[in-house]
């Protein structure tokens, strides 16, 4: 077990192995492969490249390194192109907390028939009195 698995139950580790193709024996190699791809995108400022952060993207893409890197690059590219949106972005900001509690949208994997992203809103959680 690696330090990245600290706090995970044996059941969760097994589930990650079965459902996400996560292999503790090659975990650091998988992370390093994604990290090595960063030099292919000098146009993007990758602000975080630590193991735990890259692991999130590997898990999100079931340990397909190229897909995980593409997602990581898109994440930082979006932040880079929208600096004003993230300038004062703090997780403890009351507006951010309210949006998360209200069910701020999720983005579906599939697109509509015009190729547009589909946002999923949880309207039942909205407090219209605010």
Foldseek 3Di string as FASTA:
>chain_A
DDPLCPPPDPVVVVCLCVPLVDDPVCLVVLLVVLVVCVVVCPVFDQPDSDSNVLVVLSSVVSSPSVNSSVVSRVVRVVCVVPVVVCVPDDCPPPVNVLCVQQFPWDWDPDAPPVRHIDTDGDNVRDDVVD
